[in-house]
Amino acid sequence: MGKRGTGVAFIAISAFLISTKYISAAIFGSGVSSWNQDLFNGMLSYVGNTLNIFSVLSLLVGILYIVWGEYEELKRQR
């Protein structure tokens, strides 16, 4: 797998981690009879910030890999 493919994989991991945060909060509150925004925000706070941190790191690594692959491609063409 090239650098561009690795970058896309890291970006996909980032999207998976972000969606996992929201799905976890929804599962956590699945027994609630009525929903509102404040309640869901409270459930998100119970999930924590770890998934946010790892998703942002994964996104940055993915972008860096894509930029690195493009840079090497431009350098090779010159």
PDB file of N, CA and C in Angstrom:
ATOM      1  N   MET A   1       0.854  -1.170   0.000  1.00  0.00           N
ATOM      2  CA  MET A   1       0.000   0.000   0.000  1.00  0.00           C
ATOM      3  C   MET A   1       0.898   1.230   0.000  1.00  0.00           C
ATOM      4  N   GLY A   2       0.577   2.156  -0.862  1.00  0.00           N
ATOM      5  CA  GLY A   2       1.362   3.375  -0.946  1.00  0.00           C
ATOM      6  C   GLY A   2       1.005   4.364   0.149  1.00  0.00           C
ATOM      7  N   LYS A   3       1.694   5.487   0.096  1.00  0.00           N
ATOM      8  CA  LYS A   3       1.464   6.512   1.117  1.00  0.00           C
ATOM      9  C   LYS A   3       0.068   7.114   1.009  1.00  0.00           C
ATOM     10  N   ARG A   4      -0.430   7.250  -0.197  1.00  0.00           N
ATOM     11  CA  ARG A   4      -1.786   7.788  -0.361  1.00  0.00           C
ATOM     12  C   ARG A   4      -2.822   6.823   0.190  1.00  0.00           C
ATOM     13  N   GLY A   5      -2.664   5.559  -0.069  1.00  0.00           N
ATOM     14  CA  GLY A   5      -3.595   4.561   0.454  1.00  0.00           C
ATOM     15  C   GLY A   5      -3.560   4.486   1.966  1.00  0.00           C
ATOM     16  N   THR A   6      -2.364   4.619   2.535  1.00  0.00           N
ATOM     17  CA  THR A   6      -2.234   4.636   3.987  1.00  0.00           C
ATOM     18  C   THR A   6      -2.910   5.863   4.568  1.00  0.00           C
ATOM     19  N   GLY A   7      -2.775   6.997   3.894  1.00  0.00           N
ATOM     20  CA  GLY A   7      -3.437   8.219   4.352  1.00  0.00           C
ATOM     21  C   GLY A   7      -4.948   8.083   4.335  1.00  0.00           C
ATOM     22  N   VAL A   8      -5.478   7.479   3.282  1.00  0.00           N
ATOM     23  CA  VAL A   8      -6.926   7.275   3.203  1.00  0.00           C
ATOM     24  C   VAL A   8      -7.381   6.313   4.298  1.00  0.00           C
ATOM     25  N   ALA A   9      -6.573   5.294   4.584  1.00  0.00           N
ATOM     26  CA  ALA A   9      -6.920   4.351   5.657  1.00  0.00           C
ATOM     27  C   ALA A   9      -6.966   5.062   7.007  1.00  0.00           C
ATOM     28  N   PHE A  10      -6.008   5.933   7.282  1.00  0.00           N
ATOM     29  CA  PHE A  10      -6.020   6.674   8.543  1.00  0.00           C
ATOM     30  C   PHE A  10      -7.228   7.613   8.630  1.00  0.00           C
ATOM     31  N   ILE A  11      -7.617   8.223   7.525  1.00  0.00           N
ATOM     32  CA  ILE A  11      -8.789   9.093   7.525  1.00  0.00           C
ATOM     33  C   ILE A  11     -10.051   8.263   7.760  1.00  0.00           C
ATOM     34  N   ALA A  12     -10.112   7.056   7.204  1.00  0.00           N
ATOM     35  CA  ALA A  12     -11.248   6.173   7.452  1.00  0.00           C
ATOM     36  C   ALA A  12     -11.307   5.757   8.920  1.00  0.00           C
ATOM     37  N   ILE A  13     -10.158   5.496   9.519  1.00  0.00           N
ATOM     38  CA  ILE A  13     -10.108   5.167  10.948  1.00  0.00           C
ATOM     39  C   ILE A  13     -10.611   6.343  11.765  1.00  0.00           C
ATOM     40  N   SER A  14     -10.238   7.547  11.365  1.00  0.00           N
ATOM     41  CA  SER A  14     -10.701   8.748  12.060  1.00  0.00           C
ATOM     42  C   SER A  14     -12.224   8.863  12.005  1.00  0.00           C
ATOM     43  N   ALA A  15     -12.807   8.635  10.842  1.00  0.00           N
ATOM     44  CA  ALA A  15     -14.263   8.692  10.705  1.00  0.00           C
ATOM     45  C   ALA A  15     -14.930   7.607  11.551  1.00  0.00           C
ATOM     46  N   PHE A  16     -14.334   6.422  11.600  1.00  0.00           N
ATOM     47  CA  PHE A  16     -14.871   5.337  12.414  1.00  0.00           C
ATOM     48  C   PHE A  16     -14.843   5.695  13.898  1.00  0.00           C
ATOM     49  N   LEU A  17     -13.761   6.316  14.350  1.00  0.00           N
ATOM     50  CA  LEU A  17     -13.660   6.678  15.764  1.00  0.00           C
ATOM     51  C   LEU A  17     -14.678   7.752  16.150  1.00  0.00           C
ATOM     52  N   ILE A  18     -14.891   8.732  15.281  1.00  0.00           N
ATOM     53  CA  ILE A  18     -15.887   9.770  15.563  1.00  0.00           C
ATOM     54  C   ILE A  18     -17.282   9.163  15.628  1.00  0.00           C
ATOM     55  N   SER A  19     -17.595   8.284  14.669  1.00  0.00           N
ATOM     56  CA  SER A  19     -18.921   7.674  14.689  1.00  0.00           C
ATOM     57  C   SER A  19     -19.095   6.765  15.896  1.00  0.00           C
ATOM     58  N   THR A  20     -18.016   6.129  16.345  1.00  0.00           N
ATOM     59  CA  THR A  20     -18.076   5.276  17.528  1.00  0.00           C
ATOM     60  C   THR A  20     -18.458   6.077  18.761  1.00  0.00           C
ATOM     61  N   LYS A  21     -17.978   7.298  18.853  1.00  0.00           N
ATOM     62  CA  LYS A  21     -18.322   8.137  20.004  1.00  0.00           C
ATOM     63  C   LYS A  21     -19.826   8.376  20.078  1.00  0.00           C
ATOM     64  N   TYR A  22     -20.424   8.750  18.948  1.00  0.00           N
ATOM     65  CA  TYR A  22     -21.854   9.046  18.941  1.00  0.00           C
ATOM     66  C   TYR A  22     -22.701   7.782  19.092  1.00  0.00           C
ATOM     67  N   ILE A  23     -22.267   6.690  18.503  1.00  0.00           N
ATOM     68  CA  ILE A  23     -23.002   5.441  18.663  1.00  0.00           C
ATOM     69  C   ILE A  23     -22.931   4.968  20.110  1.00  0.00           C
ATOM     70  N   SER A  24     -21.771   5.124  20.749  1.00  0.00           N
ATOM     71  CA  SER A  24     -21.641   4.733  22.157  1.00  0.00           C
ATOM     72  C   SER A  24     -22.570   5.549  23.047  1.00  0.00           C
ATOM     73  N   ALA A  25     -22.667   6.836  22.791  1.00  0.00           N
ATOM     74  CA  ALA A  25     -23.574   7.679  23.577  1.00  0.00           C
ATOM     75  C   ALA A  25     -25.025   7.279  23.342  1.00  0.00           C
ATOM     76  N   ALA A  26     -25.366   6.934  22.118  1.00  0.00           N
ATOM     77  CA  ALA A  26     -26.738   6.528  21.826  1.00  0.00           C
ATOM     78  C   ALA A  26     -27.066   5.197  22.491  1.00  0.00           C
ATOM     79  N   ILE A  27     -26.117   4.273  22.498  1.00  0.00           N
ATOM     80  CA  ILE A  27     -26.337   2.991  23.170  1.00  0.00           C
ATOM     81  C   ILE A  27     -26.450   3.204  24.674  1.00  0.00           C
ATOM     82  N   PHE A  28     -25.618   4.077  25.194  1.00  0.00           N
ATOM     83  CA  PHE A  28     -25.655   4.374  26.630  1.00  0.00           C
ATOM     84  C   PHE A  28     -27.026   4.895  27.053  1.00  0.00           C
ATOM     85  N   GLY A  29     -27.649   5.693  26.210  1.00  0.00           N
ATOM     86  CA  GLY A  29     -28.944   6.265  26.548  1.00  0.00           C
ATOM     87  C   GLY A  29     -30.114   5.560  25.900  1.00  0.00           C
ATOM     88  N   SER A  30     -29.932   4.321  25.495  1.00  0.00           N
ATOM     89  CA  SER A  30     -31.000   3.624  24.775  1.00  0.00           C
ATOM     90  C   SER A  30     -32.225   3.350  25.638  1.00  0.00           C
ATOM     91  N   GLY A  31     -32.080   3.323  26.942  1.00  0.00           N
ATOM     92  CA  GLY A  31     -33.218   3.059  27.798  1.00  0.00           C
ATOM     93  C   GLY A  31     -34.008   4.290  28.187  1.00  0.00           C
ATOM     94  N   VAL A  32     -33.634   5.446  27.689  1.00  0.00           N
ATOM     95  CA  VAL A  32     -34.302   6.698  28.059  1.00  0.00           C
ATOM     96  C   VAL A  32     -35.607   6.819  27.276  1.00  0.00           C
ATOM     97  N   SER A  33     -36.672   7.221  27.940  1.00  0.00           N
ATOM     98  CA  SER A  33     -37.976   7.287  27.280  1.00  0.00           C
ATOM     99  C   SER A  33     -38.128   8.527  26.398  1.00  0.00           C
ATOM    100  N   SER A  34     -37.485   9.636  26.751  1.00  0.00           N
ATOM    101  CA  SER A  34     -37.568  10.837  25.909  1.00  0.00           C
ATOM    102  C   SER A  34     -36.167  11.423  25.741  1.00  0.00           C
ATOM    103  N   TRP A  35     -35.916  11.940  24.548  1.00  0.00           N
ATOM    104  CA  TRP A  35     -34.603  12.471  24.204  1.00  0.00           C
ATOM    105  C   TRP A  35     -34.686  13.976  24.044  1.00  0.00           C
ATOM    106  N   ASN A  36     -33.596  14.643  24.408  1.00  0.00           N
ATOM    107  CA  ASN A  36     -33.418  16.049  24.056  1.00  0.00           C
ATOM    108  C   ASN A  36     -31.917  16.308  23.930  1.00  0.00           C
ATOM    109  N   GLN A  37     -31.568  17.485  23.486  1.00  0.00           N
ATOM    110  CA  GLN A  37     -30.173  17.787  23.200  1.00  0.00           C
ATOM    111  C   GLN A  37     -29.319  17.789  24.468  1.00  0.00           C
ATOM    112  N   ASP A  38     -29.845  18.317  25.551  1.00  0.00           N
ATOM    113  CA  ASP A  38     -29.078  18.356  26.797  1.00  0.00           C
ATOM    114  C   ASP A  38     -28.781  16.956  27.322  1.00  0.00           C
ATOM    115  N   LEU A  39     -29.756  16.076  27.209  1.00  0.00           N
ATOM    116  CA  LEU A  39     -29.555  14.697  27.653  1.00  0.00           C
ATOM    117  C   LEU A  39     -28.493  14.005  26.816  1.00  0.00           C
ATOM    118  N   PHE A  40     -28.544  14.189  25.496  1.00  0.00           N
ATOM    119  CA  PHE A  40     -27.553  13.565  24.628  1.00  0.00           C
ATOM    120  C   PHE A  40     -26.163  14.144  24.874  1.00  0.00           C
ATOM    121  N   ASN A  41     -26.067  15.442  25.116  1.00  0.00           N
ATOM    122  CA  ASN A  41     -24.778  16.051  25.447  1.00  0.00           C
ATOM    123  C   ASN A  41     -24.229  15.484  26.753  1.00  0.00           C
ATOM    124  N   GLY A  42     -25.105  15.212  27.701  1.00  0.00           N
ATOM    125  CA  GLY A  42     -24.677  14.577  28.938  1.00  0.00           C
ATOM    126  C   GLY A  42     -24.143  13.175  28.698  1.00  0.00           C
ATOM    127  N   MET A  43     -24.809  12.431  27.822  1.00  0.00           N
ATOM    128  CA  MET A  43     -24.329  11.084  27.484  1.00  0.00           C
ATOM    129  C   MET A  43     -22.991  11.150  26.759  1.00  0.00           C
ATOM    130  N   LEU A  44     -22.814  12.145  25.911  1.00  0.00           N
ATOM    131  CA  LEU A  44     -21.522  12.314  25.223  1.00  0.00           C
ATOM    132  C   LEU A  44     -20.415  12.619  26.225  1.00  0.00           C
ATOM    133  N   SER A  45     -20.731  13.351  27.275  1.00  0.00           N
ATOM    134  CA  SER A  45     -19.704  13.659  28.269  1.00  0.00           C
ATOM    135  C   SER A  45     -19.279  12.403  29.024  1.00  0.00           C
ATOM    136  N   TYR A  46     -20.191  11.448  29.198  1.00  0.00           N
ATOM    137  CA  TYR A  46     -19.820  10.188  29.840  1.00  0.00           C
ATOM    138  C   TYR A  46     -18.887   9.357  28.963  1.00  0.00           C
ATOM    139  N   VAL A  47     -19.008   9.495  27.647  1.00  0.00           N
ATOM    140  CA  VAL A  47     -18.133   8.750  26.736  1.00  0.00           C
ATOM    141  C   VAL A  47     -16.704   9.261  26.858  1.00  0.00           C
ATOM    142  N   GLY A  48     -16.522  10.560  27.042  1.00  0.00           N
ATOM    143  CA  GLY A  48     -15.194  11.118  27.240  1.00  0.00           C
ATOM    144  C   GLY A  48     -14.601  11.698  25.972  1.00  0.00           C
ATOM    145  N   ASN A  49     -13.362  12.159  26.096  1.00  0.00           N
ATOM    146  CA  ASN A  49     -12.679  12.826  24.983  1.00  0.00           C
ATOM    147  C   ASN A  49     -11.620  11.957  24.312  1.00  0.00           C
ATOM    148  N   THR A  50     -11.431  10.755  24.783  1.00  0.00           N
ATOM    149  CA  THR A  50     -10.377   9.905  24.229  1.00  0.00           C
ATOM    150  C   THR A  50     -10.601   9.622  22.751  1.00  0.00           C
ATOM    151  N   LEU A  51     -11.831   9.321  22.376  1.00  0.00           N
ATOM    152  CA  LEU A  51     -12.109   9.052  20.966  1.00  0.00           C
ATOM    153  C   LEU A  51     -11.893  10.291  20.108  1.00  0.00           C
ATOM    154  N   ASN A  52     -12.206  11.479  20.639  1.00  0.00           N
ATOM    155  CA  ASN A  52     -11.934  12.710  19.897  1.00  0.00           C
ATOM    156  C   ASN A  52     -10.449  12.893  19.657  1.00  0.00           C
ATOM    157  N   ILE A  53      -9.659  12.675  20.691  1.00  0.00           N
ATOM    158  CA  ILE A  53      -8.215  12.857  20.586  1.00  0.00           C
ATOM    159  C   ILE A  53      -7.624  11.911  19.552  1.00  0.00           C
ATOM    160  N   PHE A  54      -8.000  10.619  19.646  1.00  0.00           N
ATOM    161  CA  PHE A  54      -7.456   9.646  18.700  1.00  0.00           C
ATOM    162  C   PHE A  54      -7.950   9.878  17.278  1.00  0.00           C
ATOM    163  N   SER A  55      -9.183  10.350  17.128  1.00  0.00           N
ATOM    164  CA  SER A  55      -9.683  10.607  15.777  1.00  0.00           C
ATOM    165  C   SER A  55      -8.986  11.806  15.143  1.00  0.00           C
ATOM    166  N   VAL A  56      -8.717  12.838  15.920  1.00  0.00           N
ATOM    167  CA  VAL A  56      -7.998  13.995  15.379  1.00  0.00           C
ATOM    168  C   VAL A  56      -6.561  13.612  15.026  1.00  0.00           C
ATOM    169  N   LEU A  57      -5.923  12.829  15.891  1.00  0.00           N
ATOM    170  CA  LEU A  57      -4.567  12.370  15.583  1.00  0.00           C
ATOM    171  C   LEU A  57      -4.551  11.513  14.321  1.00  0.00           C
ATOM    172  N   SER A  58      -5.505  10.626  14.189  1.00  0.00           N
ATOM    173  CA  SER A  58      -5.584   9.780  13.005  1.00  0.00           C
ATOM    174  C   SER A  58      -5.842  10.611  11.750  1.00  0.00           C
ATOM    175  N   LEU A  59      -6.691  11.616  11.870  1.00  0.00           N
ATOM    176  CA  LEU A  59      -6.953  12.497  10.730  1.00  0.00           C
ATOM    177  C   LEU A  59      -5.692  13.248  10.310  1.00  0.00           C
ATOM    178  N   LEU A  60      -4.958  13.771  11.283  1.00  0.00           N
ATOM    179  CA  LEU A  60      -3.725  14.496  10.960  1.00  0.00           C
ATOM    180  C   LEU A  60      -2.689  13.586  10.324  1.00  0.00           C
ATOM    181  N   VAL A  61      -2.542  12.381  10.852  1.00  0.00           N
ATOM    182  CA  VAL A  61      -1.588  11.428  10.271  1.00  0.00           C
ATOM    183  C   VAL A  61      -2.010  11.087   8.842  1.00  0.00           C
ATOM    184  N   GLY A  62      -3.305  10.894   8.628  1.00  0.00           N
ATOM    185  CA  GLY A  62      -3.791  10.600   7.277  1.00  0.00           C
ATOM    186  C   GLY A  62      -3.520  11.726   6.305  1.00  0.00           C
ATOM    187  N   ILE A  63      -3.764  12.948   6.733  1.00  0.00           N
ATOM    188  CA  ILE A  63      -3.496  14.094   5.861  1.00  0.00           C
ATOM    189  C   ILE A  63      -2.001  14.208   5.574  1.00  0.00           C
ATOM    190  N   LEU A  64      -1.174  13.994   6.597  1.00  0.00           N
ATOM    191  CA  LEU A  64       0.272  14.060   6.386  1.00  0.00           C
ATOM    192  C   LEU A  64       0.751  12.991   5.413  1.00  0.00           C
ATOM    193  N   TYR A  65       0.210  11.780   5.511  1.00  0.00           N
ATOM    194  CA  TYR A  65       0.587  10.730   4.569  1.00  0.00           C
ATOM    195  C   TYR A  65       0.181  11.080   3.146  1.00  0.00           C
ATOM    196  N   ILE A  66      -1.000  11.648   2.972  1.00  0.00           N
ATOM    197  CA  ILE A  66      -1.437  12.018   1.629  1.00  0.00           C
ATOM    198  C   ILE A  66      -0.561  13.132   1.069  1.00  0.00           C
ATOM    199  N   VAL A  67      -0.250  14.126   1.878  1.00  0.00           N
ATOM    200  CA  VAL A  67       0.614  15.224   1.427  1.00  0.00           C
ATOM    201  C   VAL A  67       2.008  14.686   1.100  1.00  0.00           C
ATOM    202  N   TRP A  68       2.521  13.774   1.931  1.00  0.00           N
ATOM    203  CA  TRP A  68       3.838  13.182   1.701  1.00  0.00           C
ATOM    204  C   TRP A  68       3.846  12.390   0.384  1.00  0.00           C
ATOM    205  N   GLY A  69       2.798  11.625   0.132  1.00  0.00           N
ATOM    206  CA  GLY A  69       2.709  10.874  -1.119  1.00  0.00           C
ATOM    207  C   GLY A  69       2.634  11.785  -2.325  1.00  0.00           C
ATOM    208  N   GLU A  70       1.872  12.859  -2.223  1.00  0.00           N
ATOM    209  CA  GLU A  70       1.774  13.812  -3.329  1.00  0.00           C
ATOM    210  C   GLU A  70       3.099  14.533  -3.557  1.00  0.00           C
ATOM    211  N   TYR A  71       3.788  14.869  -2.474  1.00  0.00           N
ATOM    212  CA  TYR A  71       5.077  15.552  -2.590  1.00  0.00           C
ATOM    213  C   TYR A  71       6.090  14.644  -3.295  1.00  0.00           C
ATOM    214  N   GLU A  72       6.126  13.380  -2.901  1.00  0.00           N
ATOM    215  CA  GLU A  72       7.058  12.455  -3.555  1.00  0.00           C
ATOM    216  C   GLU A  72       6.704  12.252  -5.020  1.00  0.00           C
ATOM    217  N   GLU A  73       5.421  12.250  -5.351  1.00  0.00           N
ATOM    218  CA  GLU A  73       5.000  12.108  -6.741  1.00  0.00           C
ATOM    219  C   GLU A  73       5.433  13.318  -7.560  1.00  0.00           C
ATOM    220  N   LEU A  74       5.267  14.523  -7.010  1.00  0.00           N
ATOM    221  CA  LEU A  74       5.707  15.726  -7.729  1.00  0.00           C
ATOM    222  C   LEU A  74       7.215  15.757  -7.874  1.00  0.00           C
ATOM    223  N   LYS A  75       7.927  15.334  -6.837  1.00  0.00           N
ATOM    224  CA  LYS A  75       9.378  15.308  -6.884  1.00  0.00           C
ATOM    225  C   LYS A  75       9.882  14.297  -7.923  1.00  0.00           C
ATOM    226  N   ARG A  76       9.173  13.169  -8.043  1.00  0.00           N
ATOM    227  CA  ARG A  76       9.573  12.143  -8.994  1.00  0.00           C
ATOM    228  C   ARG A  76       9.314  12.584 -10.431  1.00  0.00           C
ATOM    229  N   GLN A  77       8.276  13.380 -10.650  1.00  0.00           N
ATOM    230  CA  GLN A  77       7.946  13.852 -11.995  1.00  0.00           C
ATOM    231  C   GLN A  77       8.901  14.912 -12.497  1.00  0.00           C
ATOM    232  N   ARG A  78       9.551  15.621 -11.601  1.00  0.00           N
ATOM    233  CA  ARG A  78      10.473  16.697 -12.023  1.00  0.00           C
ATOM    234  C   ARG A  78      11.761  16.149 -12.397  1.00  0.00           C
TER     235      ARG A  78
END
